[in-house]
Amino acid sequence: MIVIVMGVSGSGKTTVAALLAAKLGWRYREGDDLHPSENVAKMRGGTPLTDADRLPWLRRIAREIDDWQRQGQQGVLTCSALKRAYRDIITGDRAGVALVYLKGSHDLIARRMAARHEHFMPTALLESQFATLQEPVPDERPIVMDVGRPPGEIADAIASELEFRSRTDGEASRLRHGPQIP
């Protein structure tokens, strides 16, 4: 299982994903670390990224997921994944990839961004993040979490939902394929 924690900048992706990975004992990767330096410079300068800017970054994230799966590793990775087209690149038809959407109001996230320091994403770009955001739809099977809750509670709720899905998906598979004969 690979979990992608998505949402606009300031939604708590890094904090929640790190807590979730620690709770599950899984590998963790901050997706922003995979951005080309040109992207970071653009964002730091207050210029929103274009789809063309994001494409190499999204492909790197997809490769990271493929590498983890090839190695049989489980992990949690952050990525804003604001558009369905972006999510299609990173999740595609890969089995075992779950999407967690950290959802919050513009006001709450703007307050959080204003309070943080040492981050390359300026608060001025929050408008473009919300303008770009296409919330995940039911066929993507997202786990949607309200970011108004404490990060530890969010991580616990995600872990519980992943466990529930694992049990129910396993049961559904057994029902489709019949009993397993040892």
N, C-alpha and C. Protein backbone atom coordinates (compact mmCIF):
# COMPACT_ATOMS: atom_id res chain seq x y z
N MET A 1 0.84 -1.18 0.00
CA MET A 1 0.00 0.00 0.00
C MET A 1 0.88 1.24 0.00
N ILE A 2 0.55 2.16 -0.88
CA ILE A 2 1.19 3.48 -0.92
C ILE A 2 0.07 4.49 -0.70
N VAL A 3 0.26 5.42 0.22
CA VAL A 3 -0.73 6.44 0.51
C VAL A 3 -0.20 7.78 0.02
N ILE A 4 -1.02 8.47 -0.79
CA ILE A 4 -0.71 9.81 -1.26
C ILE A 4 -1.55 10.77 -0.42
N VAL A 5 -0.89 11.66 0.33
CA VAL A 5 -1.59 12.67 1.12
C VAL A 5 -1.57 13.95 0.30
N MET A 6 -2.77 14.42 -0.09
CA MET A 6 -2.89 15.55 -1.00
C MET A 6 -3.68 16.69 -0.37
N GLY A 7 -3.56 17.88 -0.98
CA GLY A 7 -4.29 19.06 -0.56
C GLY A 7 -3.49 20.30 -0.92
N VAL A 8 -4.12 21.44 -0.74
CA VAL A 8 -3.43 22.69 -1.03
C VAL A 8 -2.30 22.92 -0.04
N SER A 9 -1.39 23.79 -0.40
CA SER A 9 -0.30 24.15 0.50
C SER A 9 -0.89 24.69 1.80
N GLY A 10 -0.34 24.24 2.92
CA GLY A 10 -0.82 24.70 4.21
C GLY A 10 -1.90 23.82 4.81
N SER A 11 -2.31 22.77 4.11
CA SER A 11 -3.38 21.90 4.62
C SER A 11 -2.88 20.90 5.67
N GLY A 12 -1.56 20.79 5.82
CA GLY A 12 -1.01 19.89 6.83
C GLY A 12 -0.49 18.59 6.27
N LYS A 13 -0.23 18.53 4.98
CA LYS A 13 0.22 17.29 4.35
C LYS A 13 1.47 16.72 5.02
N THR A 14 2.48 17.55 5.20
CA THR A 14 3.75 17.08 5.76
C THR A 14 3.56 16.54 7.16
N THR A 15 2.88 17.29 8.00
CA THR A 15 2.68 16.88 9.39
C THR A 15 1.88 15.60 9.48
N VAL A 16 0.75 15.56 8.80
CA VAL A 16 -0.13 14.38 8.87
C VAL A 16 0.55 13.16 8.25
N ALA A 17 1.20 13.34 7.11
CA ALA A 17 1.84 12.21 6.45
C ALA A 17 2.97 11.63 7.30
N ALA A 18 3.76 12.49 7.92
CA ALA A 18 4.86 12.01 8.78
C ALA A 18 4.30 11.25 9.98
N LEU A 19 3.23 11.77 10.57
CA LEU A 19 2.60 11.07 11.70
C LEU A 19 2.02 9.73 11.28
N LEU A 20 1.37 9.71 10.12
CA LEU A 20 0.77 8.48 9.62
C LEU A 20 1.85 7.43 9.33
N ALA A 21 2.92 7.84 8.65
CA ALA A 21 4.00 6.91 8.34
C ALA A 21 4.62 6.35 9.62
N ALA A 22 4.83 7.20 10.62
CA ALA A 22 5.40 6.74 11.89
C ALA A 22 4.45 5.77 12.58
N LYS A 23 3.17 6.07 12.57
CA LYS A 23 2.18 5.22 13.21
C LYS A 23 2.15 3.84 12.56
N LEU A 24 2.24 3.80 11.23
CA LEU A 24 2.15 2.54 10.50
C LEU A 24 3.50 1.83 10.36
N GLY A 25 4.59 2.56 10.66
CA GLY A 25 5.92 1.99 10.47
C GLY A 25 6.30 1.87 9.01
N TRP A 26 5.78 2.79 8.20
CA TRP A 26 6.01 2.77 6.76
C TRP A 26 7.02 3.85 6.38
N ARG A 27 7.50 3.73 5.18
CA ARG A 27 8.40 4.71 4.60
C ARG A 27 7.65 6.03 4.39
N TYR A 28 8.38 7.14 4.46
CA TYR A 28 7.78 8.48 4.26
C TYR A 28 8.63 9.26 3.28
N ARG A 29 7.95 10.01 2.41
CA ARG A 29 8.65 10.90 1.47
C ARG A 29 7.87 12.18 1.29
N GLU A 30 8.53 13.30 1.46
CA GLU A 30 7.95 14.62 1.21
C GLU A 30 8.04 14.88 -0.29
N GLY A 31 6.89 14.94 -0.95
CA GLY A 31 6.85 15.13 -2.39
C GLY A 31 7.49 16.43 -2.85
N ASP A 32 7.44 17.47 -2.03
CA ASP A 32 8.05 18.74 -2.41
C ASP A 32 9.55 18.60 -2.64
N ASP A 33 10.17 17.62 -1.97
CA ASP A 33 11.61 17.41 -2.15
C ASP A 33 11.95 16.91 -3.55
N LEU A 34 10.95 16.46 -4.28
CA LEU A 34 11.16 15.96 -5.63
C LEU A 34 10.97 17.03 -6.70
N HIS A 35 10.58 18.24 -6.29
CA HIS A 35 10.44 19.35 -7.24
C HIS A 35 11.79 19.72 -7.84
N PRO A 36 11.84 19.98 -9.13
CA PRO A 36 13.07 20.55 -9.71
C PRO A 36 13.34 21.91 -9.05
N SER A 37 14.60 22.28 -8.96
CA SER A 37 14.96 23.55 -8.30
C SER A 37 14.30 24.75 -8.98
N GLU A 38 14.06 24.65 -10.29
CA GLU A 38 13.41 25.76 -11.00
C GLU A 38 11.99 25.98 -10.46
N ASN A 39 11.30 24.89 -10.14
CA ASN A 39 9.94 25.02 -9.60
C ASN A 39 9.96 25.71 -8.24
N VAL A 40 10.88 25.28 -7.39
CA VAL A 40 10.97 25.88 -6.06
C VAL A 40 11.28 27.37 -6.18
N ALA A 41 12.19 27.74 -7.08
CA ALA A 41 12.52 29.15 -7.27
C ALA A 41 11.31 29.94 -7.74
N LYS A 42 10.54 29.38 -8.66
CA LYS A 42 9.34 30.06 -9.15
C LYS A 42 8.36 30.30 -8.01
N MET A 43 8.10 29.25 -7.23
CA MET A 43 7.13 29.38 -6.14
C MET A 43 7.64 30.35 -5.07
N ARG A 44 8.91 30.23 -4.73
CA ARG A 44 9.48 31.14 -3.73
C ARG A 44 9.33 32.59 -4.19
N GLY A 45 9.42 32.81 -5.51
CA GLY A 45 9.27 34.15 -6.07
C GLY A 45 7.82 34.59 -6.24
N GLY A 46 6.86 33.72 -5.88
CA GLY A 46 5.46 34.08 -5.95
C GLY A 46 4.79 33.79 -7.28
N THR A 47 5.45 33.01 -8.14
CA THR A 47 4.88 32.67 -9.45
C THR A 47 4.26 31.28 -9.38
N PRO A 48 2.96 31.17 -9.68
CA PRO A 48 2.33 29.84 -9.68
C PRO A 48 2.93 28.94 -10.76
N LEU A 49 2.98 27.66 -10.47
CA LEU A 49 3.48 26.71 -11.45
C LEU A 49 2.43 26.44 -12.52
N THR A 50 2.90 26.17 -13.71
CA THR A 50 2.02 25.78 -14.81
C THR A 50 1.95 24.25 -14.85
N ASP A 51 1.04 23.72 -15.64
CA ASP A 51 0.97 22.27 -15.82
C ASP A 51 2.30 21.75 -16.37
N ALA A 52 2.90 22.49 -17.29
CA ALA A 52 4.19 22.07 -17.86
C ALA A 52 5.28 22.04 -16.79
N ASP A 53 5.25 23.00 -15.85
CA ASP A 53 6.22 23.01 -14.74
C ASP A 53 6.04 21.77 -13.86
N ARG A 54 4.81 21.41 -13.64
CA ARG A 54 4.51 20.31 -12.71
C ARG A 54 4.78 18.93 -13.29
N LEU A 55 4.73 18.79 -14.60
CA LEU A 55 4.83 17.47 -15.22
C LEU A 55 6.08 16.69 -14.82
N PRO A 56 7.29 17.26 -14.89
CA PRO A 56 8.47 16.48 -14.48
C PRO A 56 8.40 16.05 -13.00
N TRP A 57 7.86 16.93 -12.17
CA TRP A 57 7.71 16.62 -10.75
C TRP A 57 6.74 15.47 -10.55
N LEU A 58 5.59 15.51 -11.21
CA LEU A 58 4.61 14.44 -11.08
C LEU A 58 5.17 13.11 -11.57
N ARG A 59 5.94 13.16 -12.64
CA ARG A 59 6.56 11.93 -13.16
C ARG A 59 7.58 11.37 -12.17
N ARG A 60 8.29 12.25 -11.48
CA ARG A 60 9.25 11.78 -10.46
C ARG A 60 8.52 11.11 -9.31
N ILE A 61 7.39 11.68 -8.92
CA ILE A 61 6.59 11.08 -7.85
C ILE A 61 6.08 9.71 -8.29
N ALA A 62 5.60 9.61 -9.53
CA ALA A 62 5.12 8.32 -10.05
C ALA A 62 6.25 7.29 -10.05
N ARG A 63 7.45 7.72 -10.44
CA ARG A 63 8.59 6.80 -10.42
C ARG A 63 8.92 6.34 -9.00
N GLU A 64 8.81 7.26 -8.06
CA GLU A 64 9.05 6.93 -6.65
C GLU A 64 8.06 5.85 -6.19
N ILE A 65 6.80 6.03 -6.54
CA ILE A 65 5.77 5.04 -6.18
C ILE A 65 6.10 3.70 -6.83
N ASP A 66 6.45 3.71 -8.11
CA ASP A 66 6.79 2.47 -8.81
C ASP A 66 7.99 1.78 -8.14
N ASP A 67 8.99 2.57 -7.75
CA ASP A 67 10.17 1.99 -7.09
C ASP A 67 9.78 1.33 -5.77
N TRP A 68 8.97 2.02 -4.98
CA TRP A 68 8.53 1.45 -3.70
C TRP A 68 7.77 0.15 -3.93
N GLN A 69 6.89 0.16 -4.91
CA GLN A 69 6.09 -1.05 -5.17
C GLN A 69 6.98 -2.19 -5.66
N ARG A 70 7.94 -1.90 -6.52
CA ARG A 70 8.87 -2.93 -6.99
C ARG A 70 9.65 -3.55 -5.83
N GLN A 71 9.97 -2.72 -4.85
CA GLN A 71 10.74 -3.17 -3.69
C GLN A 71 9.84 -3.79 -2.62
N GLY A 72 8.51 -3.79 -2.85
CA GLY A 72 7.58 -4.36 -1.89
C GLY A 72 7.43 -3.52 -0.63
N GLN A 73 7.71 -2.22 -0.75
CA GLN A 73 7.63 -1.34 0.42
C GLN A 73 6.28 -0.65 0.50
N GLN A 74 5.88 -0.36 1.71
CA GLN A 74 4.69 0.44 1.94
C GLN A 74 5.16 1.83 2.32
N GLY A 75 4.38 2.85 1.95
CA GLY A 75 4.84 4.19 2.24
C GLY A 75 3.76 5.23 2.17
N VAL A 76 4.11 6.40 2.66
CA VAL A 76 3.25 7.57 2.66
C VAL A 76 4.03 8.69 1.97
N LEU A 77 3.40 9.31 0.98
CA LEU A 77 4.05 10.33 0.18
C LEU A 77 3.13 11.54 0.07
N THR A 78 3.69 12.73 0.19
CA THR A 78 2.87 13.94 0.03
C THR A 78 2.96 14.47 -1.38
N CYS A 79 1.86 15.02 -1.85
CA CYS A 79 1.81 15.67 -3.16
C CYS A 79 0.53 16.49 -3.19
N SER A 80 0.63 17.74 -3.59
CA SER A 80 -0.58 18.57 -3.63
C SER A 80 -1.64 17.94 -4.52
N ALA A 81 -1.25 17.36 -5.66
CA ALA A 81 -2.16 16.62 -6.54
C ALA A 81 -3.48 17.37 -6.74
N LEU A 82 -3.39 18.63 -7.09
CA LEU A 82 -4.57 19.50 -7.12
C LEU A 82 -5.57 19.18 -8.22
N LYS A 83 -5.11 18.66 -9.34
CA LYS A 83 -6.01 18.37 -10.45
C LYS A 83 -6.15 16.86 -10.65
N ARG A 84 -7.30 16.47 -11.19
CA ARG A 84 -7.50 15.06 -11.50
C ARG A 84 -6.41 14.56 -12.45
N ALA A 85 -6.05 15.36 -13.43
CA ALA A 85 -5.01 14.94 -14.39
C ALA A 85 -3.69 14.67 -13.67
N TYR A 86 -3.37 15.44 -12.64
CA TYR A 86 -2.15 15.21 -11.87
C TYR A 86 -2.25 13.88 -11.12
N ARG A 87 -3.41 13.65 -10.51
CA ARG A 87 -3.60 12.42 -9.75
C ARG A 87 -3.56 11.21 -10.68
N ASP A 88 -4.07 11.37 -11.89
CA ASP A 88 -4.02 10.27 -12.85
C ASP A 88 -2.57 9.89 -13.17
N ILE A 89 -1.68 10.87 -13.19
CA ILE A 89 -0.27 10.57 -13.45
C ILE A 89 0.34 9.80 -12.28
N ILE A 90 0.06 10.22 -11.07
CA ILE A 90 0.72 9.59 -9.92
C ILE A 90 0.03 8.33 -9.43
N THR A 91 -1.28 8.24 -9.62
CA THR A 91 -1.95 7.01 -9.19
C THR A 91 -2.21 6.10 -10.38
N GLY A 92 -2.60 6.70 -11.52
CA GLY A 92 -2.84 5.93 -12.73
C GLY A 92 -3.68 4.70 -12.45
N ASP A 93 -3.25 3.59 -13.01
CA ASP A 93 -3.95 2.33 -12.75
C ASP A 93 -3.13 1.46 -11.80
N ARG A 94 -2.32 2.12 -10.98
CA ARG A 94 -1.51 1.40 -10.00
C ARG A 94 -2.42 0.84 -8.89
N ALA A 95 -2.35 -0.46 -8.69
CA ALA A 95 -3.08 -1.07 -7.58
C ALA A 95 -2.35 -0.73 -6.29
N GLY A 96 -3.09 -0.68 -5.21
CA GLY A 96 -2.47 -0.48 -3.91
C GLY A 96 -2.06 0.94 -3.61
N VAL A 97 -2.64 1.92 -4.31
CA VAL A 97 -2.36 3.32 -4.02
C VAL A 97 -3.65 3.96 -3.51
N ALA A 98 -3.58 4.53 -2.32
CA ALA A 98 -4.75 5.18 -1.71
C ALA A 98 -4.53 6.69 -1.68
N LEU A 99 -5.59 7.43 -1.88
CA LEU A 99 -5.55 8.89 -1.91
C LEU A 99 -6.22 9.44 -0.66
N VAL A 100 -5.49 10.30 0.07
CA VAL A 100 -6.04 10.98 1.24
C VAL A 100 -6.08 12.47 0.91
N TYR A 101 -7.27 13.05 1.00
CA TYR A 101 -7.44 14.48 0.70
C TYR A 101 -7.64 15.23 2.00
N LEU A 102 -6.72 16.15 2.32
CA LEU A 102 -6.84 17.01 3.49
C LEU A 102 -7.59 18.26 3.07
N LYS A 103 -8.80 18.37 3.53
CA LYS A 103 -9.72 19.42 3.09
C LYS A 103 -9.91 20.45 4.20
N GLY A 104 -9.80 21.72 3.80
CA GLY A 104 -10.00 22.78 4.78
C GLY A 104 -10.45 24.05 4.11
N SER A 105 -10.97 24.95 4.91
CA SER A 105 -11.45 26.23 4.38
C SER A 105 -10.27 27.12 4.01
N HIS A 106 -10.53 28.02 3.09
CA HIS A 106 -9.52 28.98 2.67
C HIS A 106 -9.01 29.77 3.87
N ASP A 107 -9.91 30.23 4.72
CA ASP A 107 -9.51 31.06 5.87
C ASP A 107 -8.59 30.31 6.84
N LEU A 108 -8.97 29.08 7.17
CA LEU A 108 -8.15 28.29 8.09
C LEU A 108 -6.75 28.05 7.51
N ILE A 109 -6.70 27.66 6.27
CA ILE A 109 -5.40 27.36 5.65
C ILE A 109 -4.57 28.63 5.48
N ALA A 110 -5.19 29.75 5.15
CA ALA A 110 -4.46 31.02 5.04
C ALA A 110 -3.84 31.40 6.39
N ARG A 111 -4.57 31.20 7.48
CA ARG A 111 -4.03 31.48 8.82
C ARG A 111 -2.82 30.58 9.11
N ARG A 112 -2.94 29.32 8.76
CA ARG A 112 -1.83 28.39 8.98
C ARG A 112 -0.60 28.80 8.17
N MET A 113 -0.82 29.15 6.91
CA MET A 113 0.32 29.53 6.06
C MET A 113 1.00 30.80 6.59
N ALA A 114 0.21 31.74 7.07
CA ALA A 114 0.77 32.99 7.60
C ALA A 114 1.61 32.74 8.85
N ALA A 115 1.27 31.69 9.59
CA ALA A 115 1.98 31.41 10.84
C ALA A 115 3.25 30.59 10.65
N ARG A 116 3.42 29.96 9.50
CA ARG A 116 4.61 29.11 9.33
C ARG A 116 5.77 29.91 8.75
N HIS A 117 6.95 29.42 9.05
CA HIS A 117 8.17 30.07 8.62
C HIS A 117 9.05 29.05 7.91
N GLU A 118 10.01 29.54 7.15
CA GLU A 118 10.98 28.66 6.50
C GLU A 118 10.36 27.76 5.43
N HIS A 119 9.27 28.16 4.82
CA HIS A 119 8.69 27.37 3.75
C HIS A 119 8.73 28.18 2.46
N PHE A 120 9.00 27.51 1.35
CA PHE A 120 9.17 28.22 0.08
C PHE A 120 7.87 28.75 -0.51
N MET A 121 6.73 28.23 -0.07
CA MET A 121 5.44 28.61 -0.67
C MET A 121 4.87 29.82 0.05
N PRO A 122 4.82 30.97 -0.62
CA PRO A 122 4.27 32.16 0.03
C PRO A 122 2.73 32.10 0.09
N THR A 123 2.18 32.76 1.08
CA THR A 123 0.73 32.81 1.26
C THR A 123 0.04 33.37 0.03
N ALA A 124 0.72 34.23 -0.72
CA ALA A 124 0.13 34.85 -1.92
C ALA A 124 -0.28 33.81 -2.95
N LEU A 125 0.33 32.63 -2.93
CA LEU A 125 0.00 31.61 -3.92
C LEU A 125 -1.18 30.74 -3.51
N LEU A 126 -1.73 30.97 -2.32
CA LEU A 126 -2.86 30.16 -1.88
C LEU A 126 -4.06 30.31 -2.81
N GLU A 127 -4.28 31.53 -3.30
CA GLU A 127 -5.41 31.76 -4.23
C GLU A 127 -5.28 30.86 -5.45
N SER A 128 -4.08 30.78 -6.02
CA SER A 128 -3.90 29.96 -7.21
C SER A 128 -4.06 28.47 -6.88
N GLN A 129 -3.69 28.08 -5.67
CA GLN A 129 -3.86 26.68 -5.26
C GLN A 129 -5.36 26.32 -5.22
N PHE A 130 -6.15 27.18 -4.58
CA PHE A 130 -7.60 26.91 -4.52
C PHE A 130 -8.25 27.02 -5.89
N ALA A 131 -7.76 27.93 -6.74
CA ALA A 131 -8.32 28.07 -8.09
C ALA A 131 -8.03 26.82 -8.93
N THR A 132 -6.88 26.20 -8.70
CA THR A 132 -6.48 25.01 -9.45
C THR A 132 -7.14 23.75 -8.91
N LEU A 133 -7.46 23.73 -7.62
CA LEU A 133 -7.96 22.53 -6.95
C LEU A 133 -9.21 21.96 -7.60
N GLN A 134 -9.12 20.69 -7.95
CA GLN A 134 -10.28 19.89 -8.35
C GLN A 134 -10.37 18.81 -7.28
N GLU A 135 -11.36 18.93 -6.41
CA GLU A 135 -11.47 17.97 -5.32
C GLU A 135 -11.66 16.56 -5.88
N PRO A 136 -11.09 15.57 -5.21
CA PRO A 136 -11.26 14.19 -5.69
C PRO A 136 -12.73 13.79 -5.69
N VAL A 137 -13.08 12.94 -6.62
CA VAL A 137 -14.46 12.48 -6.78
C VAL A 137 -14.55 11.02 -6.34
N PRO A 138 -15.78 10.53 -6.12
CA PRO A 138 -15.95 9.18 -5.57
C PRO A 138 -15.22 8.06 -6.31
N ASP A 139 -15.12 8.14 -7.64
CA ASP A 139 -14.44 7.03 -8.34
C ASP A 139 -12.94 6.97 -8.04
N GLU A 140 -12.39 8.02 -7.42
CA GLU A 140 -10.99 8.00 -6.99
C GLU A 140 -10.84 7.37 -5.61
N ARG A 141 -11.96 7.09 -4.97
CA ARG A 141 -12.01 6.48 -3.63
C ARG A 141 -11.16 7.24 -2.61
N PRO A 142 -11.33 8.57 -2.55
CA PRO A 142 -10.49 9.32 -1.60
C PRO A 142 -10.94 9.11 -0.16
N ILE A 143 -9.98 9.22 0.72
CA ILE A 143 -10.27 9.34 2.15
C ILE A 143 -10.20 10.84 2.40
N VAL A 144 -11.31 11.45 2.76
CA VAL A 144 -11.37 12.90 2.94
C VAL A 144 -11.34 13.22 4.43
N MET A 145 -10.39 14.07 4.81
CA MET A 145 -10.21 14.44 6.20
C MET A 145 -10.30 15.95 6.37
N ASP A 146 -11.07 16.37 7.36
CA ASP A 146 -11.20 17.79 7.71
C ASP A 146 -9.95 18.22 8.46
N VAL A 147 -9.26 19.24 7.95
CA VAL A 147 -8.00 19.67 8.57
C VAL A 147 -8.20 20.52 9.82
N GLY A 148 -9.44 20.74 10.21
CA GLY A 148 -9.70 21.47 11.44
C GLY A 148 -9.42 20.66 12.69
N ARG A 149 -9.21 19.37 12.53
CA ARG A 149 -8.91 18.49 13.66
C ARG A 149 -7.41 18.47 13.92
N PRO A 150 -6.99 18.06 15.12
CA PRO A 150 -5.56 17.95 15.40
C PRO A 150 -4.90 16.91 14.49
N PRO A 151 -3.66 17.15 14.05
CA PRO A 151 -2.98 16.24 13.13
C PRO A 151 -2.93 14.79 13.61
N GLY A 152 -2.70 14.58 14.89
CA GLY A 152 -2.64 13.21 15.41
C GLY A 152 -3.97 12.48 15.25
N GLU A 153 -5.06 13.20 15.47
CA GLU A 153 -6.39 12.60 15.28
C GLU A 153 -6.63 12.27 13.81
N ILE A 154 -6.18 13.16 12.94
CA ILE A 154 -6.34 12.92 11.50
C ILE A 154 -5.56 11.67 11.10
N ALA A 155 -4.31 11.56 11.54
CA ALA A 155 -3.49 10.39 11.21
C ALA A 155 -4.13 9.11 11.74
N ASP A 156 -4.65 9.16 12.96
CA ASP A 156 -5.33 7.98 13.54
C ASP A 156 -6.55 7.60 12.72
N ALA A 157 -7.34 8.59 12.30
CA ALA A 157 -8.55 8.33 11.51
C ALA A 157 -8.18 7.74 10.14
N ILE A 158 -7.11 8.23 9.52
CA ILE A 158 -6.66 7.69 8.24
C ILE A 158 -6.24 6.23 8.42
N ALA A 159 -5.45 5.96 9.45
CA ALA A 159 -4.99 4.59 9.70
C ALA A 159 -6.18 3.65 9.90
N SER A 160 -7.18 4.11 10.63
CA SER A 160 -8.39 3.29 10.85
C SER A 160 -9.11 3.03 9.53
N GLU A 161 -9.24 4.05 8.70
CA GLU A 161 -9.92 3.88 7.41
C GLU A 161 -9.12 2.96 6.50
N LEU A 162 -7.81 3.06 6.50
CA LEU A 162 -6.99 2.16 5.68
C LEU A 162 -7.15 0.72 6.14
N GLU A 163 -7.19 0.50 7.44
CA GLU A 163 -7.39 -0.84 7.98
C GLU A 163 -8.77 -1.38 7.59
N PHE A 164 -9.80 -0.53 7.72
CA PHE A 164 -11.15 -0.93 7.33
C PHE A 164 -11.20 -1.30 5.86
N ARG A 165 -10.62 -0.46 5.02
CA ARG A 165 -10.62 -0.74 3.57
C ARG A 165 -9.88 -2.03 3.25
N SER A 166 -8.78 -2.25 3.93
CA SER A 166 -8.00 -3.46 3.70
C SER A 166 -8.84 -4.69 4.03
N ARG A 167 -9.56 -4.65 5.15
CA ARG A 167 -10.42 -5.78 5.54
C ARG A 167 -11.57 -5.95 4.56
N THR A 168 -12.26 -4.85 4.22
CA THR A 168 -13.44 -4.98 3.36
C THR A 168 -13.04 -5.29 1.92
N ASP A 169 -11.93 -4.75 1.44
CA ASP A 169 -11.46 -5.08 0.08
C ASP A 169 -11.06 -6.55 0.02
N GLY A 170 -10.42 -7.04 1.07
CA GLY A 170 -10.04 -8.45 1.13
C GLY A 170 -11.26 -9.35 1.14
N GLU A 171 -12.27 -8.96 1.89
CA GLU A 171 -13.50 -9.74 1.95
C GLU A 171 -14.22 -9.71 0.60
N ALA A 172 -14.26 -8.55 -0.04
CA ALA A 172 -14.91 -8.44 -1.35
C ALA A 172 -14.19 -9.31 -2.37
N SER A 173 -12.87 -9.36 -2.30
CA SER A 173 -12.11 -10.20 -3.22
C SER A 173 -12.42 -11.67 -2.99
N ARG A 174 -12.52 -12.08 -1.73
CA ARG A 174 -12.85 -13.47 -1.42
C ARG A 174 -14.24 -13.82 -1.94
N LEU A 175 -15.18 -12.88 -1.83
CA LEU A 175 -16.53 -13.14 -2.31
C LEU A 175 -16.57 -13.27 -3.84
N ARG A 176 -15.77 -12.43 -4.53
CA ARG A 176 -15.72 -12.49 -5.99
C ARG A 176 -15.05 -13.75 -6.50
N HIS A 177 -14.03 -14.20 -5.80
CA HIS A 177 -13.21 -15.31 -6.29
C HIS A 177 -13.49 -16.63 -5.61
N GLY A 178 -14.39 -16.64 -4.63
CA GLY A 178 -14.72 -17.89 -3.94
C GLY A 178 -13.72 -18.22 -2.86
N PRO A 179 -14.00 -19.25 -2.10
CA PRO A 179 -13.10 -19.63 -1.00
C PRO A 179 -11.75 -20.11 -1.55
N GLN A 180 -10.72 -19.83 -0.78
CA GLN A 180 -9.38 -20.26 -1.16
C GLN A 180 -9.14 -21.66 -0.60
N ILE A 181 -8.68 -22.56 -1.44
CA ILE A 181 -8.41 -23.93 -1.02
C ILE A 181 -6.91 -24.03 -0.76
N PRO A 182 -6.55 -24.42 0.49
CA PRO A 182 -5.12 -24.48 0.80
C PRO A 182 -4.40 -25.57 0.04
